[in-house]
Amino acid sequence: MVDIQLDSIEFEDVSPLIDVTEDLSEGDDDEVEDSPLKELYTGQTFISFEVLEQSLKRYSTKRGFNTKIVRVEKEDGVYARKTYKCRHGNKYEPKKKLDPTENRERESVCIECGFLLNASYRKRANLVYINKFIEEHNHPLSDSELLQQFAPSLRKITTDVKEEIKFFVQECHLGATVLKRILRKKFPDQEIYQQDLYNMIHKFKIDAQIKNDAVLLYEHLVKLQQEDSNWYFGVDFEGIDNRLSKIFWMSPDQKNLWTRFHDVVLNDNTCKTNKYSMPLSVFIVIDSDQRSRIVATAIVSDETVSTYEWILKETMLATGNLQPVVIFTDGDPAMQVAISTQYSETIVRHCAFHIRQNLIKKVKKKLHDKWDTFVADFYVLRNSLVVSDFDHRWEELMNKYPEIKGYCERVLYPTKECWAYAFTKRTFSANTHSTQRVESINRIIKLEANSGNTLYELQAGIELRLKDEAKYAKLQEFRNMNPTTGLPNISNTIFKGVDNMCKKYLMPNSLALQQKQILESLLYRVLLQENVIETNLVNLFFFVFSLFVLLLYD
């Protein structure tokens, strides 16, 4: 039985080149070669194909060209015939794909070079014969030293290095820069060229690519829901081809976190997390230990009002119509409209960082050298303690910087209740002023999933992040259960009764914040300005009142 194996290179039918009718009896008297030689000729014999290929490699390197195997035949599992050509052999045949966007614009080295070596194995003599050898080239030959250094066949990456690259690409999603640094440390004797590394990364990514990505993700979520009915997910399809446009999911643990900590919810979108450039919308909450916890995720095709409304509806369906008390966003007008229609009872807060970024884009060029002073004045305005101060400073700001008055009155002033401290100070916000927590989560997600990932891989990366969060939370709970002691301080000496009451009812993180306030209470300075009691005095009154109440109940 004949077993024919062809390599992945496109080539012409070269079976007529195997001249099996040629009388090779004269070659039987030749001395059998068992070591690589510098010269080759028709009728030459070798003890194995391995020795032949060593000789061919040495011969071609000396002459200044590189070779490749274009045909292999086996009989009963043993190599019977092999055909070798110059690297520039064969005829170029473009491989056009139906989707023109998937065609790669690149040149080919196949220019029909005439070099040919045909060899076969004869069982009777137990030797390998060169049946035909043609030394013809239609291109200039290369310098042998440069060829030894840069020829593809002579700079092959070893199998163990390939396995390392495959692992880091498919399992860890590392890029070329970090991967090359790792390989250089682990395999210092292996020379790896940048282009070869890029090609191998691309190959392993293609091998790991999952077909019918949307269907696979959908089936995975259906399976999770069948295993646990508390899983929730929603999908939306568009067009006559039922193209996936939106998908949303929440696990049972995420639904529980939303129920417990929906007082403050942060939302932001991030891009470059999947190969389809679909934005990823992430919702997080802040738990009792001040940790950021992902509670909902959605992959969508756009960032319009209707899309945001769909996402918010899904959160309501998943949590039994439980709206956030406060939600922080990046100030996107589309999200603002969606919140007003879907979260009618929710208080909206805008991210301070995104406000500054928008100011940089819209007004910095207009202000020129006055930018730094404007930023300082703007933060004084933002941090105003009372509404009357805010209004007064706003007028001053507009008069001082008239060139940006239009933008500020059109964009900032109508939303002042979402970002100015004079309006936001009475609402619990878990000491949050921006969506920076979401940005940090997005960065971690991108370490697990990058722009080349499928939707299924993106969901898997988020699941890994959720598992890490859960493990860390359990570890912290275990640590908090351990009894501890320390040096005496103000909270457990002067205010011992208050401290004991706080320890009884507060979580460790909240307890630490309270003890910090107790420590700072002895250092309060009270300022009286224009008959308006500043916040420090107000805080002092509230703190003293709290002490009396706690001592009374104690």
Protein backbone atom coordinates (compact mmCIF):
# COMPACT_ATOMS: atom_id res chain seq x y z
CA MET A 1 0.00 0.00 0.00
CA VAL A 2 1.36 3.44 -1.00
CA ASP A 3 0.96 6.38 1.37
CA ILE A 4 1.54 9.77 -0.28
CA GLN A 5 2.14 12.85 1.86
CA LEU A 6 2.37 16.36 0.44
CA ASP A 7 3.60 19.42 2.27
CA SER A 8 1.52 22.56 2.51
CA ILE A 9 3.34 24.28 -0.38
CA GLU A 10 1.47 24.56 -3.68
CA PHE A 11 3.47 22.89 -6.46
CA GLU A 12 3.13 21.30 -9.85
CA ASP A 13 2.67 17.60 -10.41
CA VAL A 14 6.28 16.42 -10.39
CA SER A 15 5.65 12.67 -10.59
CA PRO A 16 7.06 12.52 -14.18
CA LEU A 17 10.32 13.82 -12.76
CA ILE A 18 10.85 10.51 -10.94
CA ASP A 19 12.63 8.62 -13.72
CA VAL A 20 12.03 5.02 -12.62
CA THR A 21 12.91 3.64 -16.10
CA GLU A 22 16.42 4.99 -16.00
CA ASP A 23 19.02 2.25 -15.77
CA LEU A 24 20.93 2.85 -12.56
CA SER A 25 22.93 -0.37 -12.63
CA GLU A 26 26.10 1.56 -13.24
CA GLY A 27 25.64 3.35 -9.99
CA ASP A 28 25.61 0.13 -7.98
CA ASP A 29 29.38 0.08 -7.96
CA ASP A 30 29.63 3.59 -6.50
CA GLU A 31 30.90 3.92 -3.00
CA VAL A 32 28.01 4.41 -0.54
CA GLU A 33 28.21 7.78 1.21
CA ASP A 34 27.52 7.88 4.95
CA SER A 35 28.54 11.49 5.58
CA PRO A 36 27.54 14.82 4.05
CA LEU A 37 29.38 15.62 0.78
CA LYS A 38 30.21 18.80 -1.05
CA GLU A 39 29.21 17.52 -4.53
CA LEU A 40 26.11 15.75 -5.85
CA TYR A 41 25.43 13.92 -9.13
CA THR A 42 22.97 11.55 -10.76
CA GLY A 43 23.40 7.94 -9.67
CA GLN A 44 24.96 8.81 -6.34
CA THR A 45 23.93 6.56 -3.41
CA PHE A 46 23.35 7.19 0.29
CA ILE A 47 22.57 4.96 3.23
CA SER A 48 19.46 7.00 4.12
CA PHE A 49 17.41 10.04 3.16
CA GLU A 50 18.74 11.79 6.27
CA VAL A 51 22.32 11.60 4.99
CA LEU A 52 21.18 12.71 1.54
CA GLU A 53 19.46 15.77 3.01
CA GLN A 54 22.55 16.64 5.04
CA SER A 55 24.63 16.51 1.87
CA LEU A 56 22.07 18.55 -0.07
CA LYS A 57 21.96 21.15 2.69
CA ARG A 58 25.75 21.48 2.71
CA TYR A 59 25.91 21.57 -1.09
CA SER A 60 23.18 24.20 -1.52
CA THR A 61 24.57 26.40 1.24
CA LYS A 62 28.00 26.41 -0.39
CA ARG A 63 26.53 27.25 -3.82
CA GLY A 64 24.29 29.98 -2.45
CA PHE A 65 20.71 28.74 -2.63
CA ASN A 66 18.17 27.07 -0.41
CA THR A 67 16.09 23.95 -1.03
CA LYS A 68 12.68 22.57 -0.09
CA ILE A 69 10.89 19.22 -0.28
CA VAL A 70 7.97 19.38 -2.73
CA ARG A 71 6.87 15.74 -2.86
CA VAL A 72 7.07 12.73 -0.54
CA GLU A 73 5.90 9.16 -1.14
CA LYS A 74 5.78 6.32 1.37
CA GLU A 75 5.40 2.58 0.95
CA ASP A 76 4.48 0.52 4.00
CA GLY A 77 5.28 3.45 6.25
CA VAL A 78 8.83 3.90 4.81
CA TYR A 79 9.96 6.83 2.68
CA ALA A 80 10.13 5.58 -0.92
CA ARG A 81 10.66 8.73 -2.99
CA LYS A 82 11.37 12.39 -2.36
CA THR A 83 11.61 15.36 -4.69
CA TYR A 84 13.66 18.44 -3.83
CA LYS A 85 13.60 21.82 -5.54
CA CYS A 86 15.20 25.21 -5.11
CA ARG A 87 13.33 27.56 -2.81
CA HIS A 88 12.49 29.57 -5.93
CA GLY A 89 11.10 26.52 -7.72
CA ASN A 90 7.45 25.88 -8.68
CA LYS A 91 5.09 28.31 -10.32
CA TYR A 92 3.37 31.08 -8.41
CA GLU A 93 -0.37 30.49 -8.14
CA PRO A 94 -2.27 33.17 -6.18
CA LYS A 95 -4.61 31.81 -3.52
CA LYS A 96 -7.62 34.07 -3.84
CA LYS A 97 -10.28 33.95 -1.14
CA LEU A 98 -13.96 34.73 -1.53
CA ASP A 99 -13.69 37.53 1.01
CA PRO A 100 -11.32 40.11 -0.57
CA THR A 101 -10.52 41.58 2.85
CA GLU A 102 -8.83 38.30 3.82
CA ASN A 103 -6.42 38.32 0.86
CA ARG A 104 -2.85 39.14 1.82
CA GLU A 105 -1.00 41.46 -0.55
CA ARG A 106 2.44 39.88 -0.69
CA GLU A 107 4.92 38.66 -3.32
CA SER A 108 6.02 35.06 -3.86
CA VAL A 109 9.54 33.63 -4.19
CA CYS A 110 8.30 30.93 -6.60
CA ILE A 111 9.78 31.95 -9.99
CA GLU A 112 10.04 28.47 -11.65
CA CYS A 113 13.73 27.84 -10.91
CA GLY A 114 14.89 24.69 -12.71
CA PHE A 115 16.95 23.06 -9.93
CA LEU A 116 15.70 19.53 -9.23
CA LEU A 117 16.82 16.49 -7.27
CA ASN A 118 14.81 13.23 -7.43
CA ALA A 119 15.75 10.39 -5.07
CA SER A 120 14.27 6.98 -4.30
CA TYR A 121 14.83 4.16 -1.85
CA ARG A 122 15.53 0.64 -3.20
CA LYS A 123 14.74 -2.15 -0.81
CA ARG A 124 16.90 -4.70 -2.63
CA ALA A 125 20.06 -2.66 -2.16
CA ASN A 126 18.79 -0.94 0.99
CA LEU A 127 20.15 2.32 -0.40
CA VAL A 128 18.87 5.73 -1.48
CA TYR A 129 19.66 6.68 -5.11
CA ILE A 130 19.69 10.05 -6.81
CA ASN A 131 17.59 9.34 -9.90
CA LYS A 132 17.77 12.77 -11.48
CA PHE A 133 19.84 15.83 -10.66
CA ILE A 134 19.44 19.11 -12.56
CA GLU A 135 21.65 22.04 -11.56
CA GLU A 136 19.92 24.98 -13.26
CA HIS A 137 18.95 28.34 -11.73
CA ASN A 138 17.19 31.35 -13.28
CA HIS A 139 18.22 33.75 -10.50
CA PRO A 140 21.46 35.04 -8.97
CA LEU A 141 22.86 32.84 -6.21
CA SER A 142 23.38 34.27 -2.75
CA ASP A 143 26.49 34.72 -0.65
CA SER A 144 27.01 31.50 1.34
CA GLU A 145 27.74 33.29 4.63
CA LEU A 146 24.59 35.41 4.41
CA LEU A 147 22.60 32.35 3.37
CA GLN A 148 23.79 30.40 6.40
CA GLN A 149 22.65 33.23 8.64
CA PHE A 150 19.32 34.19 7.07
CA ALA A 151 18.02 31.30 4.95
CA PRO A 152 14.62 30.12 6.29
CA SER A 153 15.59 26.45 6.32
CA LEU A 154 18.82 27.19 8.19
CA ARG A 155 17.24 29.30 10.92
CA LYS A 156 14.52 26.87 11.87
CA ILE A 157 13.09 27.16 15.36
CA THR A 158 13.47 23.99 17.40
CA THR A 159 10.46 21.92 18.51
CA ASP A 160 10.75 22.78 22.21
CA VAL A 161 10.83 26.51 21.41
CA LYS A 162 7.78 26.09 19.15
CA GLU A 163 5.89 24.41 22.00
CA GLU A 164 6.73 27.31 24.31
CA ILE A 165 5.55 29.83 21.73
CA LYS A 166 2.34 27.86 21.17
CA PHE A 167 1.60 27.78 24.90
CA PHE A 168 2.23 31.48 25.47
CA VAL A 169 0.22 32.50 22.38
CA GLN A 170 -2.81 30.24 22.78
CA GLU A 171 -3.06 30.05 26.57
CA CYS A 172 -1.54 33.33 27.79
CA HIS A 173 -2.28 35.57 24.75
CA LEU A 174 1.15 37.17 24.86
CA GLY A 175 2.37 39.48 22.11
CA ALA A 176 5.67 39.35 20.25
CA THR A 177 7.52 41.88 22.44
CA VAL A 178 6.96 40.14 25.78
CA LEU A 179 7.25 36.69 24.22
CA LYS A 180 10.64 37.40 22.66
CA ARG A 181 11.92 38.67 26.01
CA ILE A 182 10.84 35.41 27.67
CA LEU A 183 12.34 33.24 24.92
CA ARG A 184 15.63 35.14 25.01
CA LYS A 185 15.97 34.36 28.72
CA LYS A 186 14.80 30.76 28.48
CA PHE A 187 16.62 29.81 25.25
CA PRO A 188 19.74 32.02 25.07
CA ASP A 189 21.36 29.83 22.38
CA GLN A 190 18.37 29.94 20.02
CA GLU A 191 18.47 32.80 17.52
CA ILE A 192 14.92 33.93 16.81
CA TYR A 193 14.29 36.56 14.16
CA GLN A 194 11.42 38.98 14.59
CA GLN A 195 9.66 38.03 11.34
CA ASP A 196 9.89 34.31 12.14
CA LEU A 197 8.33 34.96 15.54
CA TYR A 198 5.52 37.02 13.97
CA ASN A 199 4.81 34.24 11.47
CA MET A 200 4.69 31.60 14.17
CA ILE A 201 2.42 33.69 16.40
CA HIS A 202 0.06 34.21 13.46
CA LYS A 203 0.07 30.48 12.70
CA PHE A 204 -0.79 29.47 16.25
CA LYS A 205 -3.51 32.12 16.45
CA ILE A 206 -5.08 30.77 13.27
CA ASP A 207 -4.86 27.21 14.63
CA ALA A 208 -6.65 28.27 17.79
CA GLN A 209 -9.27 30.36 15.99
CA ILE A 210 -12.78 29.20 16.70
CA LYS A 211 -15.26 29.01 13.84
CA ASN A 212 -18.88 30.08 14.24
CA ASP A 213 -17.81 32.23 17.14
CA ALA A 214 -21.18 33.77 17.99
CA VAL A 215 -22.91 30.38 17.89
CA LEU A 216 -20.27 28.86 20.16
CA LEU A 217 -20.59 31.66 22.73
CA TYR A 218 -24.38 31.41 22.63
CA GLU A 219 -24.29 27.63 23.13
CA HIS A 220 -21.82 28.05 26.00
CA LEU A 221 -24.13 30.49 27.81
CA VAL A 222 -27.13 28.21 27.19
CA LYS A 223 -25.20 25.34 28.75
CA LEU A 224 -24.32 27.45 31.80
CA GLN A 225 -27.96 28.42 32.22
CA GLN A 226 -29.06 24.78 31.95
CA GLU A 227 -26.58 23.81 34.67
CA ASP A 228 -27.69 26.68 36.94
CA SER A 229 -31.01 28.40 36.30
CA ASN A 230 -29.78 31.54 38.12
CA TRP A 231 -27.54 32.32 35.16
CA TYR A 232 -28.95 35.08 32.97
CA PHE A 233 -28.06 36.16 29.45
CA GLY A 234 -29.74 38.07 26.65
CA VAL A 235 -28.96 38.29 22.94
CA ASP A 236 -30.13 40.45 20.06
CA PHE A 237 -29.79 39.72 16.35
CA GLU A 238 -30.04 42.12 13.43
CA GLY A 239 -30.50 41.93 9.67
CA ILE A 240 -31.80 39.23 7.38
CA ASP A 241 -28.77 37.11 8.17
CA ASN A 242 -29.46 37.23 11.95
CA ARG A 243 -26.12 38.79 12.72
CA LEU A 244 -25.29 39.00 16.45
CA SER A 245 -25.39 42.67 17.50
CA LYS A 246 -25.69 42.51 21.30
CA ILE A 247 -25.08 39.95 24.02
CA PHE A 248 -25.35 40.44 27.80
CA TRP A 249 -24.74 38.04 30.69
CA MET A 250 -24.70 37.89 34.51
CA SER A 251 -23.67 34.89 36.60
CA PRO A 252 -25.46 33.94 39.84
CA ASP A 253 -22.60 35.40 41.91
CA GLN A 254 -22.77 38.64 39.93
CA LYS A 255 -26.52 38.92 40.50
CA ASN A 256 -25.93 38.46 44.22
CA LEU A 257 -23.26 41.19 44.23
CA TRP A 258 -25.61 43.55 42.39
CA THR A 259 -28.32 42.92 45.00
CA ARG A 260 -25.96 43.61 47.90
CA PHE A 261 -23.94 46.54 46.54
CA HIS A 262 -26.10 48.36 43.97
CA ASP A 263 -25.79 51.59 46.00
CA VAL A 264 -22.93 52.67 43.73
CA VAL A 265 -22.51 51.21 40.23
CA LEU A 266 -19.83 52.26 37.74
CA ASN A 267 -20.08 51.76 33.98
CA ASP A 268 -17.67 52.32 31.12
CA ASN A 269 -16.97 50.91 27.68
CA THR A 270 -13.68 49.68 26.30
CA CYS A 271 -12.52 48.71 22.84
CA LYS A 272 -9.86 46.41 21.33
CA THR A 273 -10.96 43.35 23.29
CA ASN A 274 -12.05 41.22 20.32
CA LYS A 275 -11.35 40.70 16.62
CA TYR A 276 -14.68 42.23 15.58
CA SER A 277 -13.98 45.62 17.24
CA MET A 278 -17.23 45.31 19.22
CA PRO A 279 -17.22 47.53 22.35
CA LEU A 280 -17.28 45.80 25.72
CA SER A 281 -19.54 47.42 28.34
CA VAL A 282 -18.57 46.64 31.94
CA PHE A 283 -20.55 47.31 35.14
CA ILE A 284 -18.80 47.11 38.51
CA VAL A 285 -19.78 47.68 42.13
CA ILE A 286 -17.72 48.41 45.25
CA ASP A 287 -18.08 45.76 47.93
CA SER A 288 -17.85 46.19 51.70
CA ASP A 289 -14.06 45.85 51.61
CA GLN A 290 -13.67 48.56 48.94
CA ARG A 291 -12.91 46.00 46.24
CA SER A 292 -14.05 46.46 42.63
CA ARG A 293 -16.31 43.60 41.51
CA ILE A 294 -17.59 42.99 37.99
CA VAL A 295 -21.37 42.50 38.12
CA ALA A 296 -22.41 42.62 34.45
CA THR A 297 -20.88 42.61 30.99
CA ALA A 298 -22.22 43.20 27.49
CA ILE A 299 -20.70 43.03 24.02
CA VAL A 300 -22.42 45.36 21.56
CA SER A 301 -22.03 46.53 17.99
CA ASP A 302 -22.42 50.27 18.63
CA GLU A 303 -22.80 52.92 21.35
CA THR A 304 -26.16 54.46 20.52
CA VAL A 305 -29.11 55.37 22.76
CA SER A 306 -31.06 52.27 21.72
CA THR A 307 -28.10 50.00 22.52
CA TYR A 308 -27.59 51.53 25.97
CA GLU A 309 -31.32 51.25 26.65
CA TRP A 310 -31.17 47.56 25.72
CA ILE A 311 -28.25 46.97 28.12
CA LEU A 312 -29.98 48.73 31.02
CA LYS A 313 -33.18 46.78 30.36
CA GLU A 314 -31.19 43.54 30.56
CA THR A 315 -29.77 44.53 33.96
CA MET A 316 -33.32 45.14 35.17
CA LEU A 317 -34.53 41.78 33.85
CA ALA A 318 -31.59 39.97 35.44
CA THR A 319 -31.93 41.59 38.87
CA GLY A 320 -35.69 41.87 39.31
CA ASN A 321 -35.94 45.58 38.34
CA LEU A 322 -33.31 46.58 40.91
CA GLN A 323 -31.96 49.98 39.85
CA PRO A 324 -28.66 51.43 41.09
CA VAL A 325 -28.93 54.20 43.65
CA VAL A 326 -25.99 56.05 42.06
CA ILE A 327 -24.35 55.29 38.72
CA PHE A 328 -21.06 56.75 37.48
CA THR A 329 -20.56 57.10 33.70
CA ASP A 330 -18.11 58.79 31.37
CA GLY A 331 -20.70 61.46 30.54
CA ASP A 332 -21.69 60.00 27.16
CA PRO A 333 -24.91 61.82 26.12
CA ALA A 334 -26.34 58.58 24.70
CA MET A 335 -25.94 56.84 28.06
CA GLN A 336 -27.39 59.90 29.80
CA VAL A 337 -30.57 59.61 27.74
CA ALA A 338 -30.77 55.85 28.27
CA ILE A 339 -30.48 56.25 32.05
CA SER A 340 -33.26 58.85 32.10
CA THR A 341 -35.64 56.41 30.38
CA GLN A 342 -34.61 53.13 32.05
CA TYR A 343 -33.20 54.11 35.47
CA SER A 344 -35.74 56.76 36.44
CA GLU A 345 -34.88 56.54 40.16
CA THR A 346 -31.08 56.50 39.74
CA ILE A 347 -28.80 59.45 40.51
CA VAL A 348 -26.23 60.06 37.76
CA ARG A 349 -22.63 61.07 38.42
CA HIS A 350 -20.03 61.94 35.79
CA CYS A 351 -16.42 60.81 35.87
CA ALA A 352 -14.03 63.63 36.84
CA PHE A 353 -11.26 62.13 34.70
CA HIS A 354 -13.41 62.08 31.54
CA ILE A 355 -14.51 65.67 32.19
CA ARG A 356 -10.86 66.73 32.23
CA GLN A 357 -10.13 64.72 29.05
CA ASN A 358 -13.02 66.41 27.28
CA LEU A 359 -11.76 69.83 28.39
CA ILE A 360 -8.34 68.99 26.94
CA LYS A 361 -9.95 68.08 23.60
CA LYS A 362 -12.38 71.00 23.41
CA VAL A 363 -10.88 74.05 25.11
CA LYS A 364 -7.14 73.63 25.63
CA LYS A 365 -6.24 74.92 22.16
CA LYS A 366 -8.47 77.96 22.62
CA LEU A 367 -6.87 78.88 25.96
CA HIS A 368 -3.24 78.46 24.88
CA ASP A 369 -1.00 79.64 27.75
CA LYS A 370 -3.99 80.19 30.08
CA TRP A 371 -4.75 76.46 30.25
CA ASP A 372 -2.95 75.75 33.53
CA THR A 373 -4.61 78.61 35.38
CA PHE A 374 -8.00 77.57 33.95
CA VAL A 375 -7.57 74.02 35.27
CA ALA A 376 -6.75 75.35 38.74
CA ASP A 377 -9.76 77.68 38.68
CA PHE A 378 -12.03 74.93 37.40
CA TYR A 379 -11.12 72.58 40.25
CA VAL A 380 -11.75 75.37 42.77
CA LEU A 381 -15.17 75.72 41.15
CA ARG A 382 -15.80 71.98 41.17
CA ASN A 383 -14.86 71.66 44.85
CA SER A 384 -17.13 74.48 46.02
CA LEU A 385 -18.87 73.42 49.21
CA VAL A 386 -22.15 75.27 48.81
CA VAL A 387 -24.31 76.13 45.80
CA SER A 388 -23.99 79.90 46.30
CA ASP A 389 -20.20 79.65 46.12
CA PHE A 390 -20.48 77.51 43.01
CA ASP A 391 -22.75 80.02 41.25
CA HIS A 392 -20.49 82.92 42.17
CA ARG A 393 -17.32 81.14 40.99
CA TRP A 394 -19.03 80.01 37.79
CA GLU A 395 -19.76 83.62 36.85
CA GLU A 396 -16.17 84.57 37.61
CA LEU A 397 -14.88 81.69 35.49
CA MET A 398 -17.02 82.64 32.49
CA ASN A 399 -15.94 86.28 32.72
CA LYS A 400 -12.29 85.34 33.02
CA TYR A 401 -12.31 82.88 30.09
CA PRO A 402 -14.92 84.16 27.59
CA GLU A 403 -13.39 82.19 24.70
CA ILE A 404 -14.72 78.91 26.14
CA LYS A 405 -17.98 80.21 27.53
CA GLY A 406 -20.02 78.57 24.75
CA TYR A 407 -18.72 75.04 25.43
CA CYS A 408 -18.99 75.36 29.21
CA GLU A 409 -22.58 76.67 29.15
CA ARG A 410 -23.64 74.12 26.54
CA VAL A 411 -22.00 71.00 28.04
CA LEU A 412 -20.89 71.51 31.64
CA TYR A 413 -23.45 73.79 33.24
CA PRO A 414 -26.57 71.72 32.34
CA THR A 415 -24.95 68.68 34.01
CA LYS A 416 -23.48 70.50 37.02
CA GLU A 417 -25.50 68.32 39.43
CA CYS A 418 -23.58 65.29 38.10
CA TRP A 419 -20.06 66.54 38.83
CA ALA A 420 -19.96 69.63 41.10
CA TYR A 421 -19.31 68.81 44.76
CA ALA A 422 -21.84 71.38 45.98
CA PHE A 423 -24.57 69.19 44.43
CA THR A 424 -23.08 65.71 44.90
CA LYS A 425 -21.84 65.91 48.50
CA ARG A 426 -25.14 64.78 50.06
CA THR A 427 -25.22 61.51 48.11
CA PHE A 428 -23.31 58.40 49.17
CA SER A 429 -20.73 57.56 46.52
CA ALA A 430 -18.28 55.25 48.32
CA ASN A 431 -15.63 57.99 48.05
CA THR A 432 -15.71 57.62 44.24
CA HIS A 433 -15.31 60.52 41.81
CA SER A 434 -14.47 58.76 38.55
CA THR A 435 -14.79 55.52 36.60
CA GLN A 436 -11.12 54.78 37.19
CA ARG A 437 -12.03 51.48 38.83
CA VAL A 438 -13.64 50.35 35.58
CA GLU A 439 -10.62 51.52 33.59
CA SER A 440 -8.42 49.35 35.84
CA ILE A 441 -10.72 46.36 35.33
CA ASN A 442 -10.66 46.94 31.57
CA ARG A 443 -6.87 46.93 31.59
CA ILE A 444 -6.84 43.61 33.43
CA ILE A 445 -9.37 42.17 30.96
CA LYS A 446 -7.13 43.22 28.07
CA LEU A 447 -4.29 41.22 29.60
CA GLU A 448 -6.53 38.15 29.29
CA ALA A 449 -8.15 39.12 25.98
CA ASN A 450 -6.76 41.34 23.21
CA SER A 451 -7.95 42.65 19.86
CA GLY A 452 -7.30 39.31 18.18
CA ASN A 453 -9.58 37.27 20.42
CA THR A 454 -12.92 35.76 19.53
CA LEU A 455 -16.05 36.53 21.53
CA TYR A 456 -15.82 33.12 23.17
CA GLU A 457 -12.24 33.79 24.26
CA LEU A 458 -13.24 37.22 25.56
CA GLN A 459 -16.00 35.70 27.70
CA ALA A 460 -13.56 33.07 28.95
CA GLY A 461 -11.07 35.79 29.91
CA ILE A 462 -13.73 37.66 31.87
CA GLU A 463 -14.69 34.43 33.64
CA LEU A 464 -11.06 34.00 34.73
CA ARG A 465 -11.12 37.52 36.15
CA LEU A 466 -14.34 36.76 38.08
CA LYS A 467 -12.80 33.62 39.55
CA ASP A 468 -9.74 35.59 40.66
CA GLU A 469 -11.99 38.19 42.32
CA ALA A 470 -13.94 35.48 44.16
CA LYS A 471 -10.76 33.77 45.37
CA TYR A 472 -9.32 37.05 46.64
CA ALA A 473 -12.57 37.90 48.44
CA LYS A 474 -12.58 34.52 50.21
CA LEU A 475 -8.94 34.97 51.18
CA GLN A 476 -9.68 38.38 52.70
CA GLU A 477 -12.66 36.95 54.60
CA PHE A 478 -10.42 34.23 55.99
CA ARG A 479 -7.81 36.78 57.09
CA ASN A 480 -10.45 38.97 58.73
CA MET A 481 -11.63 36.01 60.82
CA ASN A 482 -8.22 35.72 62.49
CA PRO A 483 -7.95 37.61 65.83
CA THR A 484 -5.32 40.35 65.87
CA THR A 485 -3.74 42.73 68.33
CA GLY A 486 -1.53 45.79 68.10
CA LEU A 487 -0.11 48.80 69.91
CA PRO A 488 -2.53 51.08 71.84
CA ASN A 489 -3.88 54.04 69.86
CA ILE A 490 -6.43 56.82 70.21
CA SER A 491 -9.37 54.75 68.96
CA ASN A 492 -8.95 51.91 71.48
CA THR A 493 -7.88 54.09 74.44
CA ILE A 494 -9.61 57.50 74.48
CA PHE A 495 -12.61 56.26 72.46
CA LYS A 496 -12.58 52.63 73.55
CA GLY A 497 -16.36 52.34 73.86
CA VAL A 498 -16.93 53.82 70.42
CA ASP A 499 -14.24 51.60 68.94
CA ASN A 500 -15.80 48.46 70.42
CA MET A 501 -19.19 49.43 69.03
CA CYS A 502 -17.66 50.02 65.58
CA LYS A 503 -15.90 46.65 65.70
CA LYS A 504 -19.20 44.98 66.48
CA TYR A 505 -21.09 46.33 63.47
CA LEU A 506 -18.60 47.47 60.83
CA MET A 507 -16.71 45.49 58.20
CA PRO A 508 -12.89 45.65 58.42
CA ASN A 509 -12.46 48.22 55.69
CA SER A 510 -15.20 50.49 57.02
CA LEU A 511 -13.79 50.05 60.51
CA ALA A 512 -10.37 51.21 59.33
CA LEU A 513 -11.92 54.34 57.81
CA GLN A 514 -13.81 55.08 61.02
CA GLN A 515 -10.68 54.64 63.13
CA LYS A 516 -8.87 57.01 60.81
CA GLN A 517 -11.58 59.61 61.36
CA ILE A 518 -11.31 59.13 65.15
CA LEU A 519 -7.58 59.72 64.93
CA GLU A 520 -8.02 62.87 62.83
CA SER A 521 -10.77 64.24 65.10
CA LEU A 522 -8.17 65.62 67.52
CA LEU A 523 -6.57 67.62 64.71
CA TYR A 524 -9.65 69.37 63.25
CA ARG A 525 -9.33 73.07 62.45
CA VAL A 526 -12.54 75.08 62.18
CA LEU A 527 -12.69 78.03 59.80
CA LEU A 528 -15.49 80.59 59.70
CA GLN A 529 -15.79 82.30 56.33
CA GLU A 530 -18.51 84.78 55.39
CA ASN A 531 -20.78 83.40 58.13
CA VAL A 532 -20.78 80.02 56.39
CA ILE A 533 -19.67 77.07 58.51
CA GLU A 534 -17.17 75.06 56.52
CA THR A 535 -17.40 71.31 56.08
CA ASN A 536 -14.81 70.60 58.76
CA LEU A 537 -17.08 72.13 61.40
CA VAL A 538 -20.11 70.27 60.04
CA ASN A 539 -18.18 67.01 60.11
CA LEU A 540 -17.11 67.74 63.68
CA PHE A 541 -20.70 68.26 64.81
CA PHE A 542 -21.82 65.06 63.12
CA PHE A 543 -18.92 63.15 64.63
CA VAL A 544 -19.53 64.43 68.17
CA PHE A 545 -23.23 63.67 67.82
CA SER A 546 -22.40 60.13 66.65
CA LEU A 547 -20.15 59.64 69.66
CA PHE A 548 -22.92 60.62 72.08
CA VAL A 549 -25.40 58.28 70.36
CA LEU A 550 -23.01 55.34 70.39
CA LEU A 551 -22.04 55.93 74.02
CA LEU A 552 -25.69 56.23 74.97
CA TYR A 553 -26.53 52.87 73.40
CA ASP A 554 -23.38 51.33 74.84
